[in-house]
């Protein structure tokens, strides 16, 4: 998602902080809660290493549902 913007000459630090992510957690709430702190850290590492961002942040939201997702 970042590559097309970079190809057009946009600065990573101008558009990346405007990206947002929506995470959905299911019935195993304790497992989902354990993953939440690592998401911004992973994003920051990828943005610094791959794209040399100086300000690697993002907007996120999380919702929970009472049922697990349906099996395929």
PDB file of N, CA and C in Angstrom:
ATOM      1  N   UNK A   1       0.805  -1.180   0.000  1.00  0.00           N
ATOM      2  CA  UNK A   1       0.000   0.000   0.000  1.00  0.00           C
ATOM      3  C   UNK A   1       0.853   1.252   0.000  1.00  0.00           C
ATOM      4  N   UNK A   2       2.087   1.184   0.495  1.00  0.00           N
ATOM      5  CA  UNK A   2       2.951   2.367   0.532  1.00  0.00           C
ATOM      6  C   UNK A   2       3.680   2.583  -0.783  1.00  0.00           C
ATOM      7  N   UNK A   3       4.014   1.494  -1.467  1.00  0.00           N
ATOM      8  CA  UNK A   3       4.829   1.597  -2.679  1.00  0.00           C
ATOM      9  C   UNK A   3       4.214   2.496  -3.753  1.00  0.00           C
ATOM     10  N   UNK A   4       2.926   2.373  -4.081  1.00  0.00           N
ATOM     11  CA  UNK A   4       2.356   3.263  -5.104  1.00  0.00           C
ATOM     12  C   UNK A   4       2.462   4.743  -4.732  1.00  0.00           C
ATOM     13  N   UNK A   5       2.301   5.051  -3.462  1.00  0.00           N
ATOM     14  CA  UNK A   5       2.427   6.449  -3.023  1.00  0.00           C
ATOM     15  C   UNK A   5       3.864   6.931  -3.168  1.00  0.00           C
ATOM     16  N   UNK A   6       4.800   6.084  -2.791  1.00  0.00           N
ATOM     17  CA  UNK A   6       6.215   6.449  -2.917  1.00  0.00           C
ATOM     18  C   UNK A   6       6.609   6.608  -4.382  1.00  0.00           C
ATOM     19  N   UNK A   7       6.068   5.751  -5.248  1.00  0.00           N
ATOM     20  CA  UNK A   7       6.352   5.849  -6.684  1.00  0.00           C
ATOM     21  C   UNK A   7       5.864   7.173  -7.268  1.00  0.00           C
ATOM     22  N   UNK A   8       4.850   7.769  -6.658  1.00  0.00           N
ATOM     23  CA  UNK A   8       4.326   9.052  -7.132  1.00  0.00           C
ATOM     24  C   UNK A   8       5.062  10.247  -6.515  1.00  0.00           C
ATOM     25  N   UNK A   9       6.057   9.946  -5.676  1.00  0.00           N
ATOM     26  CA  UNK A   9       6.879  11.007  -5.122  1.00  0.00           C
ATOM     27  C   UNK A   9       6.437  11.551  -3.775  1.00  0.00           C
ATOM     28  N   UNK A  10       5.471  10.896  -3.133  1.00  0.00           N
ATOM     29  CA  UNK A  10       5.033  11.358  -1.818  1.00  0.00           C
ATOM     30  C   UNK A  10       6.053  10.972  -0.751  1.00  0.00           C
ATOM     31  N   UNK A  11       6.172  11.795   0.261  1.00  0.00           N
ATOM     32  CA  UNK A  11       7.068  11.531   1.381  1.00  0.00           C
ATOM     33  C   UNK A  11       6.362  10.577   2.343  1.00  0.00           C
ATOM     34  N   UNK A  12       7.047   9.514   2.749  1.00  0.00           N
ATOM     35  CA  UNK A  12       6.454   8.504   3.627  1.00  0.00           C
ATOM     36  C   UNK A  12       5.936   9.108   4.924  1.00  0.00           C
ATOM     37  N   UNK A  13       6.647  10.095   5.463  1.00  0.00           N
ATOM     38  CA  UNK A  13       6.242  10.702   6.727  1.00  0.00           C
ATOM     39  C   UNK A  13       5.041  11.634   6.585  1.00  0.00           C
ATOM     40  N   UNK A  14       4.655  11.958   5.365  1.00  0.00           N
ATOM     41  CA  UNK A  14       3.475  12.792   5.150  1.00  0.00           C
ATOM     42  C   UNK A  14       2.193  11.975   5.072  1.00  0.00           C
ATOM     43  N   UNK A  15       2.256  10.790   4.448  1.00  0.00           N
ATOM     44  CA  UNK A  15       1.011  10.037   4.277  1.00  0.00           C
ATOM     45  C   UNK A  15       0.876   8.829   5.199  1.00  0.00           C
ATOM     46  N   UNK A  16       1.953   8.230   5.641  1.00  0.00           N
ATOM     47  CA  UNK A  16       1.852   7.018   6.457  1.00  0.00           C
ATOM     48  C   UNK A  16       1.113   7.232   7.779  1.00  0.00           C
ATOM     49  N   UNK A  17       1.315   8.341   8.500  1.00  0.00           N
ATOM     50  CA  UNK A  17       0.556   8.516   9.743  1.00  0.00           C
ATOM     51  C   UNK A  17      -0.956   8.658   9.534  1.00  0.00           C
ATOM     52  N   UNK A  18      -1.392   8.864   8.306  1.00  0.00           N
ATOM     53  CA  UNK A  18      -2.824   8.975   8.021  1.00  0.00           C
ATOM     54  C   UNK A  18      -3.470   7.629   7.721  1.00  0.00           C
ATOM     55  N   UNK A  19      -2.656   6.586   7.545  1.00  0.00           N
ATOM     56  CA  UNK A  19      -3.201   5.258   7.298  1.00  0.00           C
ATOM     57  C   UNK A  19      -3.861   4.753   8.571  1.00  0.00           C
ATOM     58  N   UNK A  20      -4.936   4.006   8.412  1.00  0.00           N
ATOM     59  CA  UNK A  20      -5.596   3.453   9.588  1.00  0.00           C
ATOM     60  C   UNK A  20      -5.893   1.974   9.366  1.00  0.00           C
ATOM     61  N   UNK A  21      -5.960   1.255  10.458  1.00  0.00           N
ATOM     62  CA  UNK A  21      -6.204  -0.177  10.433  1.00  0.00           C
ATOM     63  C   UNK A  21      -7.334  -0.491  11.390  1.00  0.00           C
ATOM     64  N   UNK A  22      -8.166  -1.437  11.018  1.00  0.00           N
ATOM     65  CA  UNK A  22      -9.262  -1.871  11.873  1.00  0.00           C
ATOM     66  C   UNK A  22      -9.068  -3.348  12.148  1.00  0.00           C
ATOM     67  N   UNK A  23      -8.879  -3.689  13.406  1.00  0.00           N
ATOM     68  CA  UNK A  23      -8.671  -5.075  13.802  1.00  0.00           C
ATOM     69  C   UNK A  23      -9.936  -5.596  14.454  1.00  0.00           C
ATOM     70  N   UNK A  24     -10.223  -6.867  14.205  1.00  0.00           N
ATOM     71  CA  UNK A  24     -11.411  -7.495  14.757  1.00  0.00           C
ATOM     72  C   UNK A  24     -10.968  -8.630  15.667  1.00  0.00           C
ATOM     73  N   UNK A  25     -11.386  -8.610  16.901  1.00  0.00           N
ATOM     74  CA  UNK A  25     -11.035  -9.698  17.820  1.00  0.00           C
ATOM     75  C   UNK A  25     -12.263 -10.565  18.060  1.00  0.00           C
ATOM     76  N   UNK A  26     -12.020 -11.832  18.273  1.00  0.00           N
ATOM     77  CA  UNK A  26     -13.116 -12.794  18.386  1.00  0.00           C
ATOM     78  C   UNK A  26     -13.220 -13.343  19.808  1.00  0.00           C
ATOM     79  N   UNK A  27     -13.719 -14.530  19.931  1.00  0.00           N
ATOM     80  CA  UNK A  27     -14.069 -15.115  21.217  1.00  0.00           C
ATOM     81  C   UNK A  27     -12.869 -15.289  22.156  1.00  0.00           C
ATOM     82  N   UNK A  28     -11.698 -15.556  21.634  1.00  0.00           N
ATOM     83  CA  UNK A  28     -10.515 -15.738  22.479  1.00  0.00           C
ATOM     84  C   UNK A  28      -9.912 -14.373  22.787  1.00  0.00           C
ATOM     85  N   UNK A  29     -10.601 -13.637  23.639  1.00  0.00           N
ATOM     86  CA  UNK A  29     -10.245 -12.247  23.915  1.00  0.00           C
ATOM     87  C   UNK A  29      -8.841 -12.104  24.505  1.00  0.00           C
ATOM     88  N   UNK A  30      -8.450 -13.033  25.386  1.00  0.00           N
ATOM     89  CA  UNK A  30      -7.125 -12.927  26.009  1.00  0.00           C
ATOM     90  C   UNK A  30      -6.014 -13.062  24.974  1.00  0.00           C
ATOM     91  N   UNK A  31      -6.189 -13.915  23.984  1.00  0.00           N
ATOM     92  CA  UNK A  31      -5.197 -14.037  22.916  1.00  0.00           C
ATOM     93  C   UNK A  31      -5.145 -12.768  22.074  1.00  0.00           C
ATOM     94  N   UNK A  32      -6.297 -12.242  21.751  1.00  0.00           N
ATOM     95  CA  UNK A  32      -6.365 -11.022  20.944  1.00  0.00           C
ATOM     96  C   UNK A  32      -5.737  -9.844  21.692  1.00  0.00           C
ATOM     97  N   UNK A  33      -6.009  -9.730  22.980  1.00  0.00           N
ATOM     98  CA  UNK A  33      -5.450  -8.640  23.781  1.00  0.00           C
ATOM     99  C   UNK A  33      -3.930  -8.730  23.792  1.00  0.00           C
ATOM    100  N   UNK A  34      -3.392  -9.930  23.792  1.00  0.00           N
ATOM    101  CA  UNK A  34      -1.942 -10.123  23.788  1.00  0.00           C
ATOM    102  C   UNK A  34      -1.285  -9.654  22.501  1.00  0.00           C
ATOM    103  N   UNK A  35      -2.024  -9.632  21.415  1.00  0.00           N
ATOM    104  CA  UNK A  35      -1.456  -9.230  20.124  1.00  0.00           C
ATOM    105  C   UNK A  35      -1.490  -7.719  19.907  1.00  0.00           C
ATOM    106  N   UNK A  36      -2.357  -7.019  20.596  1.00  0.00           N
ATOM    107  CA  UNK A  36      -2.546  -5.588  20.349  1.00  0.00           C
ATOM    108  C   UNK A  36      -1.276  -4.762  20.562  1.00  0.00           C
ATOM    109  N   UNK A  37      -0.520  -4.954  21.653  1.00  0.00           N
ATOM    110  CA  UNK A  37       0.676  -4.109  21.844  1.00  0.00           C
ATOM    111  C   UNK A  37       1.747  -4.299  20.774  1.00  0.00           C
ATOM    112  N   UNK A  38       1.802  -5.455  20.149  1.00  0.00           N
ATOM    113  CA  UNK A  38       2.856  -5.695  19.164  1.00  0.00           C
ATOM    114  C   UNK A  38       2.567  -5.054  17.808  1.00  0.00           C
ATOM    115  N   UNK A  39       1.336  -4.720  17.520  1.00  0.00           N
ATOM    116  CA  UNK A  39       0.994  -4.162  16.202  1.00  0.00           C
ATOM    117  C   UNK A  39       1.694  -2.838  15.918  1.00  0.00           C
ATOM    118  N   UNK A  40       1.640  -1.847  16.816  1.00  0.00           N
ATOM    119  CA  UNK A  40       2.356  -0.596  16.529  1.00  0.00           C
ATOM    120  C   UNK A  40       3.869  -0.788  16.467  1.00  0.00           C
ATOM    121  N   UNK A  41       4.400  -1.688  17.288  1.00  0.00           N
ATOM    122  CA  UNK A  41       5.836  -1.948  17.271  1.00  0.00           C
ATOM    123  C   UNK A  41       6.259  -2.572  15.947  1.00  0.00           C
ATOM    124  N   UNK A  42       5.494  -3.536  15.480  1.00  0.00           N
ATOM    125  CA  UNK A  42       5.805  -4.171  14.191  1.00  0.00           C
ATOM    126  C   UNK A  42       5.715  -3.154  13.051  1.00  0.00           C
ATOM    127  N   UNK A  43       4.656  -2.341  13.082  1.00  0.00           N
ATOM    128  CA  UNK A  43       4.475  -1.321  12.040  1.00  0.00           C
ATOM    129  C   UNK A  43       5.650  -0.346  12.034  1.00  0.00           C
ATOM    130  N   UNK A  44       6.058   0.121  13.199  1.00  0.00           N
ATOM    131  CA  UNK A  44       7.159   1.081  13.300  1.00  0.00           C
ATOM    132  C   UNK A  44       8.459   0.472  12.773  1.00  0.00           C
ATOM    133  N   UNK A  45       8.720  -0.786  13.128  1.00  0.00           N
ATOM    134  CA  UNK A  45       9.942  -1.447  12.650  1.00  0.00           C
ATOM    135  C   UNK A  45       9.942  -1.574  11.131  1.00  0.00           C
ATOM    136  N   UNK A  46       8.832  -2.009  10.563  1.00  0.00           N
ATOM    137  CA  UNK A  46       8.738  -2.162   9.107  1.00  0.00           C
ATOM    138  C   UNK A  46       8.894  -0.815   8.405  1.00  0.00           C
ATOM    139  N   UNK A  47       8.223   0.196   8.927  1.00  0.00           N
ATOM    140  CA  UNK A  47       8.305   1.522   8.297  1.00  0.00           C
ATOM    141  C   UNK A  47       9.717   2.096   8.354  1.00  0.00           C
ATOM    142  N   UNK A  48      10.417   1.888   9.469  1.00  0.00           N
ATOM    143  CA  UNK A  48      11.793   2.393   9.580  1.00  0.00           C
ATOM    144  C   UNK A  48      12.752   1.606   8.683  1.00  0.00           C
ATOM    145  N   UNK A  49      12.645   0.275   8.723  1.00  0.00           N
ATOM    146  CA  UNK A  49      13.588  -0.564   7.985  1.00  0.00           C
ATOM    147  C   UNK A  49      13.342  -0.534   6.477  1.00  0.00           C
ATOM    148  N   UNK A  50      12.107  -0.666   6.061  1.00  0.00           N
ATOM    149  CA  UNK A  50      11.793  -0.739   4.632  1.00  0.00           C
ATOM    150  C   UNK A  50      11.718   0.603   3.939  1.00  0.00           C
ATOM    151  N   UNK A  51      11.118   1.563   4.622  1.00  0.00           N
ATOM    152  CA  UNK A  51      10.809   2.827   3.970  1.00  0.00           C
ATOM    153  C   UNK A  51      11.555   4.023   4.550  1.00  0.00           C
ATOM    154  N   UNK A  52      12.379   3.768   5.569  1.00  0.00           N
ATOM    155  CA  UNK A  52      13.184   4.821   6.217  1.00  0.00           C
ATOM    156  C   UNK A  52      12.321   5.966   6.745  1.00  0.00           C
ATOM    157  N   UNK A  53      11.200   5.631   7.326  1.00  0.00           N
ATOM    158  CA  UNK A  53      10.307   6.640   7.894  1.00  0.00           C
ATOM    159  C   UNK A  53      10.903   7.210   9.171  1.00  0.00           C
ATOM    160  N   UNK A  54      10.716   8.490   9.374  1.00  0.00           N
ATOM    161  CA  UNK A  54      11.171   9.157  10.584  1.00  0.00           C
ATOM    162  C   UNK A  54      10.075   9.192  11.652  1.00  0.00           C
ATOM    163  N   UNK A  55       8.818   9.105  11.225  1.00  0.00           N
ATOM    164  CA  UNK A  55       7.682   9.206  12.129  1.00  0.00           C
ATOM    165  C   UNK A  55       6.731   8.028  11.883  1.00  0.00           C
ATOM    166  N   UNK A  56       7.116   6.811  12.283  1.00  0.00           N
ATOM    167  CA  UNK A  56       6.322   5.621  11.951  1.00  0.00           C
ATOM    168  C   UNK A  56       5.175   5.378  12.920  1.00  0.00           C
ATOM    169  N   UNK A  57       4.038   6.025  12.692  1.00  0.00           N
ATOM    170  CA  UNK A  57       2.865   5.787  13.526  1.00  0.00           C
ATOM    171  C   UNK A  57       1.658   5.521  12.639  1.00  0.00           C
ATOM    172  N   UNK A  58       0.601   5.014  13.245  1.00  0.00           N
ATOM    173  CA  UNK A  58      -0.618   4.739  12.492  1.00  0.00           C
ATOM    174  C   UNK A  58      -1.813   4.802  13.422  1.00  0.00           C
ATOM    175  N   UNK A  59      -2.972   4.878  12.846  1.00  0.00           N
ATOM    176  CA  UNK A  59      -4.223   4.891  13.598  1.00  0.00           C
ATOM    177  C   UNK A  59      -4.794   3.481  13.605  1.00  0.00           C
ATOM    178  N   UNK A  60      -5.275   3.038  14.748  1.00  0.00           N
ATOM    179  CA  UNK A  60      -5.875   1.708  14.775  1.00  0.00           C
ATOM    180  C   UNK A  60      -7.121   1.708  15.646  1.00  0.00           C
ATOM    181  N   UNK A  61      -7.940   0.721  15.399  1.00  0.00           N
ATOM    182  CA  UNK A  61      -9.151   0.513  16.178  1.00  0.00           C
ATOM    183  C   UNK A  61      -9.373  -0.982  16.287  1.00  0.00           C
ATOM    184  N   UNK A  62     -10.048  -1.391  17.324  1.00  0.00           N
ATOM    185  CA  UNK A  62     -10.298  -2.806  17.504  1.00  0.00           C
ATOM    186  C   UNK A  62     -11.732  -2.988  17.987  1.00  0.00           C
ATOM    187  N   UNK A  63     -12.410  -3.981  17.437  1.00  0.00           N
ATOM    188  CA  UNK A  63     -13.773  -4.310  17.852  1.00  0.00           C
ATOM    189  C   UNK A  63     -13.814  -5.780  18.234  1.00  0.00           C
ATOM    190  N   UNK A  64     -14.737  -6.144  19.073  1.00  0.00           N
ATOM    191  CA  UNK A  64     -14.868  -7.545  19.453  1.00  0.00           C
ATOM    192  C   UNK A  64     -16.247  -8.052  19.063  1.00  0.00           C
ATOM    193  N   UNK A  65     -16.313  -9.350  18.843  1.00  0.00           N
ATOM    194  CA  UNK A  65     -17.573  -9.996  18.502  1.00  0.00           C
ATOM    195  C   UNK A  65     -17.798 -11.160  19.454  1.00  0.00           C
ATOM    196  N   UNK A  66     -19.030 -11.529  19.753  1.00  0.00           N
ATOM    197  CA  UNK A  66     -19.294 -12.598  20.707  1.00  0.00           C
ATOM    198  C   UNK A  66     -19.091 -13.996  20.131  1.00  0.00           C
ATOM    199  N   UNK A  67     -19.005 -14.128  18.814  1.00  0.00           N
ATOM    200  CA  UNK A  67     -18.884 -15.440  18.210  1.00  0.00           C
ATOM    201  C   UNK A  67     -17.589 -15.530  17.406  1.00  0.00           C
ATOM    202  N   UNK A  68     -17.002 -16.718  17.293  1.00  0.00           N
ATOM    203  CA  UNK A  68     -15.830 -16.885  16.426  1.00  0.00           C
ATOM    204  C   UNK A  68     -16.249 -16.780  14.959  1.00  0.00           C
ATOM    205  N   UNK A  69     -15.320 -16.492  14.062  1.00  0.00           N
ATOM    206  CA  UNK A  69     -15.696 -16.424  12.642  1.00  0.00           C
ATOM    207  C   UNK A  69     -16.176 -17.780  12.135  1.00  0.00           C
ATOM    208  N   UNK A  70     -17.035 -17.769  11.152  1.00  0.00           N
ATOM    209  CA  UNK A  70     -17.577 -19.004  10.566  1.00  0.00           C
ATOM    210  C   UNK A  70     -16.478 -19.771   9.844  1.00  0.00           C
ATOM    211  N   UNK A  71     -16.503 -21.058   9.952  1.00  0.00           N
ATOM    212  CA  UNK A  71     -15.519 -21.905   9.266  1.00  0.00           C
ATOM    213  C   UNK A  71     -15.784 -21.867   7.764  1.00  0.00           C
ATOM    214  N   UNK A  72     -14.717 -21.899   6.969  1.00  0.00           N
ATOM    215  CA  UNK A  72     -14.912 -21.869   5.494  1.00  0.00           C
ATOM    216  C   UNK A  72     -15.530 -23.130   4.957  1.00  0.00           C
TER     217      UNK A  72
END
